[in-house]
Each structure stands twice: as structure tokens, then as C-alpha cells.
C-alpha atoms as a PDB file:
ATOM      1  CA  MET A   1     -27.715 -12.306  -3.657  1.00  0.00           C
ATOM      2  CA  PRO A   2     -25.777 -12.969  -0.440  1.00  0.00           C
ATOM      3  CA  ARG A   3     -24.715  -9.963   1.584  1.00  0.00           C
ATOM      4  CA  ILE A   4     -21.013  -9.318   0.901  1.00  0.00           C
ATOM      5  CA  ALA A   5     -18.529  -7.284   2.967  1.00  0.00           C
ATOM      6  CA  ILE A   6     -15.108  -5.971   1.934  1.00  0.00           C
ATOM      7  CA  VAL A   7     -12.225  -6.170   4.408  1.00  0.00           C
ATOM      8  CA  THR A   8      -8.711  -4.821   3.941  1.00  0.00           C
ATOM      9  CA  ASP A   9      -5.821  -3.674   6.126  1.00  0.00           C
ATOM     10  CA  SER A  10      -4.473  -0.261   7.050  1.00  0.00           C
ATOM     11  CA  THR A  11      -1.541  -0.412   4.607  1.00  0.00           C
ATOM     12  CA  ALA A  12      -4.022   0.070   1.728  1.00  0.00           C
ATOM     13  CA  SER A  13      -3.904   3.782   2.595  1.00  0.00           C
ATOM     14  CA  LEU A  14      -7.591   4.375   1.903  1.00  0.00           C
ATOM     15  CA  PRO A  15      -8.962   7.813   2.825  1.00  0.00           C
ATOM     16  CA  ALA A  16     -11.548   7.727   5.591  1.00  0.00           C
ATOM     17  CA  GLU A  17     -14.242   9.164   3.337  1.00  0.00           C
ATOM     18  CA  LEU A  18     -13.878   6.314   0.823  1.00  0.00           C
ATOM     19  CA  VAL A  19     -13.863   3.731   3.602  1.00  0.00           C
ATOM     20  CA  ALA A  20     -17.150   5.158   4.877  1.00  0.00           C
ATOM     21  CA  LYS A  21     -18.663   5.551   1.407  1.00  0.00           C
ATOM     22  CA  HIS A  22     -18.053   1.897   0.492  1.00  0.00           C
ATOM     23  CA  ASP A  23     -18.567   0.485   4.005  1.00  0.00           C
ATOM     24  CA  ILE A  24     -15.098  -1.111   3.947  1.00  0.00           C
ATOM     25  CA  VAL A  25     -13.720  -2.694   7.114  1.00  0.00           C
ATOM     26  CA  VAL A  26     -10.068  -1.775   7.718  1.00  0.00           C
ATOM     27  CA  VAL A  27      -7.987  -3.940  10.073  1.00  0.00           C
ATOM     28  CA  PRO A  28      -5.000  -2.069  11.538  1.00  0.00           C
ATOM     29  CA  LEU A  29      -1.439  -3.308  11.477  1.00  0.00           C
ATOM     30  CA  GLN A  30       0.783  -2.302  14.384  1.00  0.00           C
ATOM     31  CA  VAL A  31       3.963  -0.263  14.722  1.00  0.00           C
ATOM     32  CA  VAL A  32       6.250  -0.967  17.662  1.00  0.00           C
ATOM     33  CA  ILE A  33       8.358   2.040  18.692  1.00  0.00           C
ATOM     34  CA  GLY A  34      10.727   1.198  21.490  1.00  0.00           C
ATOM     35  CA  ALA A  35       8.551  -0.846  23.835  1.00  0.00           C
ATOM     36  CA  LYS A  36       5.241   0.769  22.884  1.00  0.00           C
ATOM     37  CA  VAL A  37       2.757  -0.716  20.411  1.00  0.00           C
ATOM     38  CA  TYR A  38       0.571   1.541  18.266  1.00  0.00           C
ATOM     39  CA  ASP A  39      -2.255   0.651  15.900  1.00  0.00           C
ATOM     40  CA  GLU A  40      -2.094   2.251  12.478  1.00  0.00           C
ATOM     41  CA  GLY A  41      -4.911   4.403  11.197  1.00  0.00           C
ATOM     42  CA  VAL A  42      -6.792   4.896  14.458  1.00  0.00           C
ATOM     43  CA  GLU A  43      -7.113   7.886  16.759  1.00  0.00           C
ATOM     44  CA  GLY A  44      -4.091   8.051  19.039  1.00  0.00           C
ATOM     45  CA  GLY A  45      -2.289   5.436  16.955  1.00  0.00           C
ATOM     46  CA  ALA A  46       0.890   5.435  14.918  1.00  0.00           C
ATOM     47  CA  THR A  47       1.402   8.414  12.619  1.00  0.00           C
ATOM     48  CA  PRO A  48       3.938   9.004   9.841  1.00  0.00           C
ATOM     49  CA  ASP A  49       5.495  11.867  11.825  1.00  0.00           C
ATOM     50  CA  LEU A  50       5.903   9.674  14.891  1.00  0.00           C
ATOM     51  CA  VAL A  51       7.629   6.967  12.859  1.00  0.00           C
ATOM     52  CA  ALA A  52       9.864   9.395  10.953  1.00  0.00           C
ATOM     53  CA  GLU A  53      11.049  11.010  14.178  1.00  0.00           C
ATOM     54  CA  ALA A  54      11.760   7.638  15.807  1.00  0.00           C
ATOM     55  CA  LEU A  55      13.782   6.505  12.791  1.00  0.00           C
ATOM     56  CA  ARG A  56      15.808   9.720  12.761  1.00  0.00           C
ATOM     57  CA  GLU A  57      16.621   9.219  16.443  1.00  0.00           C
ATOM     58  CA  TRP A  58      17.531   5.543  15.850  1.00  0.00           C
ATOM     59  CA  THR A  59      14.804   4.412  18.216  1.00  0.00           C
ATOM     60  CA  PRO A  60      13.993   0.748  17.456  1.00  0.00           C
ATOM     61  CA  VAL A  61      10.969   0.568  15.142  1.00  0.00           C
ATOM     62  CA  SER A  62       9.274  -2.597  13.919  1.00  0.00           C
ATOM     63  CA  THR A  63       5.877  -3.612  12.593  1.00  0.00           C
ATOM     64  CA  SER A  64       3.432  -6.383  13.364  1.00  0.00           C
ATOM     65  CA  ARG A  65       0.620  -8.013  11.419  1.00  0.00           C
ATOM     66  CA  PRO A  66      -2.853  -8.646  12.825  1.00  0.00           C
ATOM     67  CA  GLY A  67      -2.896 -12.249  14.006  1.00  0.00           C
ATOM     68  CA  PRO A  68      -5.444 -14.866  12.909  1.00  0.00           C
ATOM     69  CA  ALA A  69      -7.432 -14.329  16.109  1.00  0.00           C
ATOM     70  CA  THR A  70      -7.827 -10.637  15.289  1.00  0.00           C
ATOM     71  CA  MET A  71      -8.952 -11.399  11.750  1.00  0.00           C
ATOM     72  CA  LEU A  72     -11.384 -14.044  12.986  1.00  0.00           C
ATOM     73  CA  GLU A  73     -12.928 -11.553  15.410  1.00  0.00           C
ATOM     74  CA  VAL A  74     -13.495  -9.155  12.495  1.00  0.00           C
ATOM     75  CA  TYR A  75     -14.992 -11.844  10.263  1.00  0.00           C
ATOM     76  CA  ASP A  76     -17.278 -13.251  12.941  1.00  0.00           C
ATOM     77  CA  GLY A  77     -18.386  -9.756  13.907  1.00  0.00           C
ATOM     78  CA  LEU A  78     -19.484  -9.190  10.322  1.00  0.00           C
ATOM     79  CA  ALA A  79     -21.236 -12.556  10.258  1.00  0.00           C
ATOM     80  CA  ALA A  80     -23.116 -11.611  13.426  1.00  0.00           C
ATOM     81  CA  ASP A  81     -24.322  -8.499  11.589  1.00  0.00           C
ATOM     82  CA  GLY A  82     -25.781 -10.613   8.789  1.00  0.00           C
ATOM     83  CA  VAL A  83     -22.856 -10.713   6.337  1.00  0.00           C
ATOM     84  CA  GLU A  84     -22.738 -14.033   4.497  1.00  0.00           C
ATOM     85  CA  GLU A  85     -19.602 -13.601   2.345  1.00  0.00           C
ATOM     86  CA  ILE A  86     -16.403 -11.616   2.907  1.00  0.00           C
ATOM     87  CA  LEU A  87     -13.749 -10.530   0.438  1.00  0.00           C
ATOM     88  CA  SER A  88     -10.529  -9.818   2.322  1.00  0.00           C
ATOM     89  CA  VAL A  89      -7.928  -7.983   0.190  1.00  0.00           C
ATOM     90  CA  HIS A  90      -4.453  -7.414   1.637  1.00  0.00           C
ATOM     91  CA  ILE A  91      -0.880  -6.226   1.260  1.00  0.00           C
ATOM     92  CA  SER A  92       1.441  -8.611  -0.576  1.00  0.00           C
ATOM     93  CA  GLY A  93       2.046 -11.849   1.274  1.00  0.00           C
ATOM     94  CA  GLU A  94       5.726 -11.452   0.403  1.00  0.00           C
ATOM     95  CA  MET A  95       5.852  -8.277   2.505  1.00  0.00           C
ATOM     96  CA  SER A  96       3.594  -9.108   5.447  1.00  0.00           C
ATOM     97  CA  GLY A  97       1.945 -12.052   7.159  1.00  0.00           C
ATOM     98  CA  THR A  98      -1.438 -10.296   7.052  1.00  0.00           C
ATOM     99  CA  PHE A  99      -2.685 -12.352   4.096  1.00  0.00           C
ATOM    100  CA  GLU A 100      -1.656 -15.553   5.882  1.00  0.00           C
ATOM    101  CA  SER A 101      -3.633 -14.457   8.945  1.00  0.00           C
ATOM    102  CA  ALA A 102      -6.639 -13.887   6.700  1.00  0.00           C
ATOM    103  CA  GLN A 103      -6.303 -17.372   5.238  1.00  0.00           C
ATOM    104  CA  VAL A 104      -6.060 -19.041   8.641  1.00  0.00           C
ATOM    105  CA  ALA A 105      -8.963 -17.073  10.108  1.00  0.00           C
ATOM    106  CA  GLY A 106     -11.070 -17.552   7.001  1.00  0.00           C
ATOM    107  CA  ARG A 107     -11.098 -21.309   7.484  1.00  0.00           C
ATOM    108  CA  GLU A 108     -12.704 -20.884  10.910  1.00  0.00           C
ATOM    109  CA  ALA A 109     -15.031 -17.971  10.206  1.00  0.00           C
ATOM    110  CA  LYS A 110     -18.819 -18.191  10.413  1.00  0.00           C
ATOM    111  CA  ALA A 111     -19.153 -16.472   7.035  1.00  0.00           C
ATOM    112  CA  LYS A 112     -17.564 -17.536   3.757  1.00  0.00           C
ATOM    113  CA  VAL A 113     -14.224 -15.715   3.435  1.00  0.00           C
ATOM    114  CA  LEU A 114     -12.234 -15.289   0.227  1.00  0.00           C
ATOM    115  CA  PRO A 115      -8.765 -13.855   0.986  1.00  0.00           C
ATOM    116  CA  VAL A 116      -6.956 -12.092  -1.867  1.00  0.00           C
ATOM    117  CA  ASP A 117      -3.222 -11.390  -1.912  1.00  0.00           C
ATOM    118  CA  SER A 118      -2.951  -8.139  -3.886  1.00  0.00           C
ATOM    119  CA  ARG A 119       0.771  -8.740  -4.525  1.00  0.00           C
ATOM    120  CA  GLN A 120       0.988  -4.978  -4.034  1.00  0.00           C
ATOM    121  CA  VAL A 121       1.429  -2.366  -1.311  1.00  0.00           C
ATOM    122  CA  GLY A 122      -0.092   0.972  -0.406  1.00  0.00           C
ATOM    123  CA  TYR A 123      -2.208   2.773  -2.966  1.00  0.00           C
ATOM    124  CA  ALA A 124      -2.101  -0.127  -5.441  1.00  0.00           C
ATOM    125  CA  THR A 125      -3.791  -2.349  -2.872  1.00  0.00           C
ATOM    126  CA  GLY A 126      -6.248   0.445  -2.152  1.00  0.00           C
ATOM    127  CA  TYR A 127      -7.248   0.786  -5.806  1.00  0.00           C
ATOM    128  CA  ALA A 128      -7.867  -2.969  -5.912  1.00  0.00           C
ATOM    129  CA  VAL A 129     -10.082  -2.770  -2.828  1.00  0.00           C
ATOM    130  CA  LEU A 130     -12.111   0.084  -4.300  1.00  0.00           C
ATOM    131  CA  ASP A 131     -12.674  -1.784  -7.567  1.00  0.00           C
ATOM    132  CA  ALA A 132     -13.926  -4.782  -5.603  1.00  0.00           C
ATOM    133  CA  ALA A 133     -16.262  -2.557  -3.598  1.00  0.00           C
ATOM    134  CA  GLU A 134     -17.684  -1.064  -6.799  1.00  0.00           C
ATOM    135  CA  VAL A 135     -18.422  -4.550  -8.127  1.00  0.00           C
ATOM    136  CA  VAL A 136     -20.237  -5.506  -4.917  1.00  0.00           C
ATOM    137  CA  ALA A 137     -22.188  -2.238  -4.971  1.00  0.00           C
ATOM    138  CA  GLY A 138     -23.247  -3.064  -8.523  1.00  0.00           C
ATOM    139  CA  GLY A 139     -24.617  -6.446  -7.516  1.00  0.00           C
ATOM    140  CA  GLY A 140     -21.603  -8.551  -8.495  1.00  0.00           C
ATOM    141  CA  SER A 141     -20.710 -11.839  -6.830  1.00  0.00           C
ATOM    142  CA  LEU A 142     -17.881 -12.556  -4.419  1.00  0.00           C
ATOM    143  CA  ASP A 143     -15.855 -14.135  -7.229  1.00  0.00           C
ATOM    144  CA  ASP A 144     -16.554 -11.155  -9.502  1.00  0.00           C
ATOM    145  CA  ALA A 145     -15.275  -8.776  -6.851  1.00  0.00           C
ATOM    146  CA  ALA A 146     -12.151 -10.869  -6.237  1.00  0.00           C
ATOM    147  CA  ALA A 147     -11.409 -10.967  -9.965  1.00  0.00           C
ATOM    148  CA  ALA A 148     -11.763  -7.185 -10.170  1.00  0.00           C
ATOM    149  CA  ALA A 149      -9.354  -6.691  -7.271  1.00  0.00           C
ATOM    150  CA  ARG A 150      -6.765  -8.991  -8.813  1.00  0.00           C
ATOM    151  CA  ARG A 151      -7.050  -7.313 -12.231  1.00  0.00           C
ATOM    152  CA  ARG A 152      -6.585  -3.811 -10.818  1.00  0.00           C
ATOM    153  CA  ALA A 153      -3.680  -4.798  -8.605  1.00  0.00           C
ATOM    154  CA  SER A 154      -1.836  -6.693 -11.330  1.00  0.00           C
ATOM    155  CA  ALA A 155      -2.212  -3.769 -13.753  1.00  0.00           C
ATOM    156  CA  ALA A 156      -0.832  -1.220 -11.287  1.00  0.00           C
ATOM    157  CA  THR A 157       2.778  -0.058 -11.168  1.00  0.00           C
ATOM    158  CA  SER A 158       4.255   0.921  -7.798  1.00  0.00           C
ATOM    159  CA  LEU A 159       7.508   2.897  -7.982  1.00  0.00           C
ATOM    160  CA  PHE A 160       9.483   4.463  -5.176  1.00  0.00           C
ATOM    161  CA  TYR A 161      12.720   6.111  -4.210  1.00  0.00           C
ATOM    162  CA  VAL A 162      14.486   5.913  -0.837  1.00  0.00           C
ATOM    163  CA  ASP A 163      17.280   8.018   0.597  1.00  0.00           C
ATOM    164  CA  THR A 164      18.928   4.900   1.966  1.00  0.00           C
ATOM    165  CA  LEU A 165      18.404   1.142   1.759  1.00  0.00           C
ATOM    166  CA  GLU A 166      19.247   0.766   5.442  1.00  0.00           C
ATOM    167  CA  TYR A 167      15.637   0.771   6.676  1.00  0.00           C
ATOM    168  CA  LEU A 168      14.612  -1.879   4.147  1.00  0.00           C
ATOM    169  CA  ARG A 169      17.613  -3.961   5.218  1.00  0.00           C
ATOM    170  CA  ARG A 170      16.673  -3.713   8.885  1.00  0.00           C
ATOM    171  CA  GLY A 171      13.164  -4.922   8.105  1.00  0.00           C
ATOM    172  CA  GLY A 172      14.440  -7.857   6.068  1.00  0.00           C
ATOM    173  CA  ARG A 173      12.936  -6.539   2.821  1.00  0.00           C
ATOM    174  CA  ILE A 174      16.304  -6.534   1.006  1.00  0.00           C
ATOM    175  CA  GLY A 175      19.600  -8.290   1.608  1.00  0.00           C
ATOM    176  CA  ALA A 176      22.493  -6.818   3.583  1.00  0.00           C
ATOM    177  CA  ALA A 177      24.767  -6.930   0.528  1.00  0.00           C
ATOM    178  CA  ALA A 178      22.428  -4.722  -1.498  1.00  0.00           C
ATOM    179  CA  ALA A 179      22.193  -2.196   1.327  1.00  0.00           C
ATOM    180  CA  VAL A 180      25.960  -2.044   1.782  1.00  0.00           C
ATOM    181  CA  LEU A 181      26.481  -1.594  -1.954  1.00  0.00           C
ATOM    182  CA  GLY A 182      23.979   1.237  -2.103  1.00  0.00           C
ATOM    183  CA  SER A 183      25.558   3.025   0.846  1.00  0.00           C
ATOM    184  CA  ALA A 184      29.087   2.557  -0.456  1.00  0.00           C
ATOM    185  CA  LEU A 185      28.230   4.089  -3.814  1.00  0.00           C
ATOM    186  CA  ALA A 186      26.117   6.867  -2.277  1.00  0.00           C
ATOM    187  CA  VAL A 187      23.397   6.117  -4.789  1.00  0.00           C
ATOM    188  CA  LYS A 188      19.697   6.857  -4.635  1.00  0.00           C
ATOM    189  CA  PRO A 189      17.875   3.591  -5.384  1.00  0.00           C
ATOM    190  CA  LEU A 190      14.752   3.531  -7.535  1.00  0.00           C
ATOM    191  CA  LEU A 191      12.651   0.493  -6.692  1.00  0.00           C
ATOM    192  CA  ARG A 192       9.389  -1.128  -7.763  1.00  0.00           C
ATOM    193  CA  ILE A 193       7.034  -3.834  -6.579  1.00  0.00           C
ATOM    194  CA  ASP A 194       7.459  -6.847  -8.839  1.00  0.00           C
ATOM    195  CA  ASP A 195       5.054  -9.731  -8.154  1.00  0.00           C
ATOM    196  CA  GLY A 196       4.793  -8.777  -4.520  1.00  0.00           C
ATOM    197  CA  ARG A 197       8.498  -8.251  -3.913  1.00  0.00           C
ATOM    198  CA  ILE A 198      10.792  -5.225  -3.922  1.00  0.00           C
ATOM    199  CA  ALA A 199      12.974  -5.105  -7.037  1.00  0.00           C
ATOM    200  CA  THR A 200      15.688  -2.632  -7.990  1.00  0.00           C
ATOM    201  CA  LEU A 201      15.040  -0.584 -11.123  1.00  0.00           C
ATOM    202  CA  GLU A 202      17.891   1.894 -11.278  1.00  0.00           C
ATOM    203  CA  LYS A 203      20.448   3.705  -9.141  1.00  0.00           C
ATOM    204  CA  VAL A 204      20.889   7.442  -9.588  1.00  0.00           C
ATOM    205  CA  ARG A 205      23.273   9.859  -7.939  1.00  0.00           C
ATOM    206  CA  THR A 206      21.052  12.679  -6.735  1.00  0.00           C
ATOM    207  CA  SER A 207      17.601  13.268  -5.308  1.00  0.00           C
ATOM    208  CA  SER A 208      16.708  15.584  -8.176  1.00  0.00           C
ATOM    209  CA  ARG A 209      17.619  12.917 -10.699  1.00  0.00           C
ATOM    210  CA  ALA A 210      15.541  10.393  -8.744  1.00  0.00           C
ATOM    211  CA  LEU A 211      12.528  12.721  -8.963  1.00  0.00           C
ATOM    212  CA  THR A 212      12.974  13.113 -12.713  1.00  0.00           C
ATOM    213  CA  ARG A 213      13.298   9.387 -13.268  1.00  0.00           C
ATOM    214  CA  LEU A 214      10.248   8.603 -11.127  1.00  0.00           C
ATOM    215  CA  ALA A 215       8.215  10.899 -13.348  1.00  0.00           C
ATOM    216  CA  ASP A 216       9.666   9.334 -16.517  1.00  0.00           C
ATOM    217  CA  LEU A 217       8.955   5.812 -15.314  1.00  0.00           C
ATOM    218  CA  ALA A 218       5.420   6.684 -14.263  1.00  0.00           C
ATOM    219  CA  VAL A 219       4.677   8.178 -17.685  1.00  0.00           C
ATOM    220  CA  ALA A 220       6.075   5.056 -19.351  1.00  0.00           C
ATOM    221  CA  ALA A 221       3.929   2.849 -17.103  1.00  0.00           C
ATOM    222  CA  ALA A 222       0.789   4.761 -18.047  1.00  0.00           C
ATOM    223  CA  GLY A 223       1.396   4.393 -21.783  1.00  0.00           C
ATOM    224  CA  GLU A 224      -1.838   5.179 -23.612  1.00  0.00           C
ATOM    225  CA  SER A 225      -4.106   3.964 -20.803  1.00  0.00           C
ATOM    226  CA  GLN A 226      -6.570   5.926 -18.751  1.00  0.00           C
ATOM    227  CA  VAL A 227      -5.132   5.859 -15.237  1.00  0.00           C
ATOM    228  CA  GLU A 228      -5.497   6.916 -11.647  1.00  0.00           C
ATOM    229  CA  VAL A 229      -2.275   8.150 -10.082  1.00  0.00           C
ATOM    230  CA  SER A 230      -1.213   8.773  -6.498  1.00  0.00           C
ATOM    231  CA  VAL A 231       1.962  10.093  -4.904  1.00  0.00           C
ATOM    232  CA  ALA A 232       3.101   9.218  -1.380  1.00  0.00           C
ATOM    233  CA  HIS A 233       6.000  10.438   0.734  1.00  0.00           C
ATOM    234  CA  LEU A 234       7.483  10.197   4.202  1.00  0.00           C
ATOM    235  CA  ALA A 235       8.707  13.541   5.538  1.00  0.00           C
ATOM    236  CA  ASN A 236       9.344  14.764   1.989  1.00  0.00           C
ATOM    237  CA  PRO A 237       6.389  17.047   1.095  1.00  0.00           C
ATOM    238  CA  THR A 238       8.244  19.408  -1.241  1.00  0.00           C
ATOM    239  CA  ALA A 239       9.447  16.631  -3.537  1.00  0.00           C
ATOM    240  CA  ALA A 240       5.973  15.062  -3.435  1.00  0.00           C
ATOM    241  CA  GLU A 241       4.377  18.316  -4.558  1.00  0.00           C
ATOM    242  CA  GLN A 242       6.911  18.615  -7.376  1.00  0.00           C
ATOM    243  CA  LEU A 243       6.171  15.071  -8.539  1.00  0.00           C
ATOM    244  CA  VAL A 244       2.414  15.745  -8.453  1.00  0.00           C
ATOM    245  CA  GLU A 245       2.905  18.823 -10.623  1.00  0.00           C
ATOM    246  CA  ARG A 246       5.007  16.944 -13.156  1.00  0.00           C
ATOM    247  CA  LEU A 247       2.642  13.989 -13.392  1.00  0.00           C
ATOM    248  CA  THR A 248      -0.424  16.227 -13.631  1.00  0.00           C
ATOM    249  CA  GLU A 249       1.134  17.986 -16.615  1.00  0.00           C
ATOM    250  CA  ARG A 250       2.665  15.000 -18.370  1.00  0.00           C
ATOM    251  CA  LEU A 251      -0.278  12.627 -17.853  1.00  0.00           C
ATOM    252  CA  ALA A 252      -3.064  15.099 -18.603  1.00  0.00           C
ATOM    253  CA  ASP A 253      -4.489  12.980 -21.433  1.00  0.00           C
ATOM    254  CA  ASN A 254      -4.321   9.805 -19.317  1.00  0.00           C
ATOM    255  CA  LEU A 255      -5.988  11.437 -16.331  1.00  0.00           C
ATOM    256  CA  SER A 256      -8.875  13.102 -18.208  1.00  0.00           C
ATOM    257  CA  GLY A 257      -9.427  15.591 -15.410  1.00  0.00           C
ATOM    258  CA  ARG A 258      -8.763  13.215 -12.504  1.00  0.00           C
ATOM    259  CA  GLU A 259      -6.466  14.686  -9.857  1.00  0.00           C
ATOM    260  CA  VAL A 260      -3.166  13.092  -8.874  1.00  0.00           C
ATOM    261  CA  GLY A 261      -3.668  12.067  -5.262  1.00  0.00           C
ATOM    262  CA  CYS A 262      -1.003  12.927  -2.726  1.00  0.00           C
ATOM    263  CA  GLY A 263      -0.509  11.965   0.900  1.00  0.00           C
ATOM    264  CA  GLU A 264       2.006  10.953   3.505  1.00  0.00           C
ATOM    265  CA  LEU A 265       2.844   7.273   3.604  1.00  0.00           C
ATOM    266  CA  GLY A 266       1.250   5.256   6.380  1.00  0.00           C
ATOM    267  CA  ALA A 267       3.227   4.514   9.514  1.00  0.00           C
ATOM    268  CA  VAL A 268       3.668   0.780   8.861  1.00  0.00           C
ATOM    269  CA  LEU A 269       5.087   1.129   5.357  1.00  0.00           C
ATOM    270  CA  GLY A 270       7.007   4.219   6.441  1.00  0.00           C
ATOM    271  CA  ALA A 271       8.797   2.215   9.112  1.00  0.00           C
ATOM    272  CA  HIS A 272      10.424   0.129   6.389  1.00  0.00           C
ATOM    273  CA  VAL A 273      11.484   2.846   3.957  1.00  0.00           C
ATOM    274  CA  GLY A 274      12.500   5.755   6.176  1.00  0.00           C
ATOM    275  CA  PRO A 275      12.267   9.553   5.954  1.00  0.00           C
ATOM    276  CA  GLY A 276      12.721  11.033   2.489  1.00  0.00           C
ATOM    277  CA  MET A 277      10.892   8.254   0.668  1.00  0.00           C
ATOM    278  CA  LEU A 278       8.939   9.266  -2.405  1.00  0.00           C
ATOM    279  CA  ALA A 279       6.578   6.952  -4.294  1.00  0.00           C
ATOM    280  CA  THR A 280       4.016   6.914  -7.047  1.00  0.00           C
ATOM    281  CA  CYS A 281       1.387   4.405  -8.064  1.00  0.00           C
ATOM    282  CA  VAL A 282       0.054   4.324 -11.624  1.00  0.00           C
ATOM    283  CA  ALA A 283      -3.129   2.276 -11.793  1.00  0.00           C
ATOM    284  CA  PRO A 284      -4.729   1.761 -15.214  1.00  0.00           C
ATOM    285  CA  ILE A 285      -8.521   1.767 -15.165  1.00  0.00           C
ATOM    286  CA  VAL A 286      -9.453  -1.744 -16.237  1.00  0.00           C
ATOM    287  CA  GLY A 287     -12.842  -3.048 -17.276  1.00  0.00           C
END
């Protein structure tokens, strides 16, 4: 069997211990705060707290993908180490140009590269990466691993709540009209990732109602399936803890002893949703 490597990007929100365990290569995206550029997920780089504070102070914040040259350097570095095939799994191409960079670089790389658009963000992309890594560890082929990543990502449900649509509007992730409407009505939007894009689910009036509905929607998404579940937040730890407690109780049969993961959203995704964001990912375990 050819030697296969797994590459992803920092928005997959993979814990360092799992990255090390599965020998996954993580390419950082960048956050630009004012005139300073920070890599995500590296020592001294962008942190959720740094981004949240900048957004509160109305300091200009933007994000940047790794360019094709950066991706090519990663791929060729792996090839130099004896890797023959590379599976490169990334954040939705509708949300970032990272997947496009992978495609461009893959055509020039010294190893065979198969880029996969997860059509997801955050933890859902991370679950897809981990499934692919398990397939490779079990002796599966590059195509087998890609199929596993696509299956896991397409089965996952990513739900989130934001205090305001303004940050998504600034980043071009929703239209200005939708942001104005949300602000005018003082609603709390519940959103989901639908085929790689942000889609509106519901609008509720209060943060407490948003928390309740997130839990309801997550339970509905799980159905009768065995699932892995994660909660993410940006500067909203109390609500995140409450959501973890509710999901742990209500999804006990679906979790079969697995813990509901919880962590602060990465700096790149956080730059687009703003402080107060609360999210959950329900990822059915697929064969």
C-alpha cells in the first residue's frame, strides 16, 4: 500500500492530542487584526480571546486562507518525507478559498493529492478528518478515506446561534438585508450549515430561548442514531456549559457514554460570528 498522509486546516478545530495521535498535518489560516497578521492554532498566534476583544472594540478583523504556494510547500514537504498520496480535507469551499488552494496546489504537487471539500465547518470538518485518518490507519486506500470523510461530513448537522448578524454581514457570509432585518427585529438568529452555506433556521427573541431551541434541534438531528456531539462558543462559556449539560442528559442513549465535547471556537471562525456565539455539531457515527 502507498504511504498516505492526511492534511486539513486549522478551522477543523482538532485537539492537539488527536492531531498527534493520527499524525495529521494542520495548515493554519490567518486572522488579520488591524494591520497585524496572526496564524491560527500556533504558539503566539491568533486566539479566540484576542479576536473577541478586537471585535468588541470595533478593531478591523478579517481572515485569510493559505494560498496555493503554502499548500504546495506542505504537500511537497510530505512527499520529501516519503508520502506518496495525500488526502486534504477542508472547510467548505463556499466559506473559504482554502479548498481551492488545495486543488491548485494538488495539481503541481510531487505526491498524488486528493482534495475534499467537507461542505462543513468546525467540528463537523474535524469529525470527517478523523474518520479518514481511521480508515488510513486500518489500511484503507486514499479513495476509501475520502469516501469516509465525505460520508461523515454529509451526515453531520452544524447548528449555531449568534447575538447579531452584523459580523457575518461584514465577512460577506450573509446579505446586508438579512442583517438589517435581524437587527431591526432584535431577534436572535438560529442558523445551520446547509450544503456548505449558512442558512437561517429560526429567529427567537431571547438568548435563553435560543439555548432551548439549539438543544431541541440537536436532539431532533440525532434521532435514533449513535452520535458524537460537540459544543463550541466564543466568549460565552456559561451558555456552552448549560448546553453541554442539556445534551448530555437528553442524548444519553445516543451517546452511549461518550462525552459531549466543549471548547471555544477557533479564531478564524470566531472572527465571522462574533462574541456570544454558541454552536453544536451532531455527527452520527456512520459505517
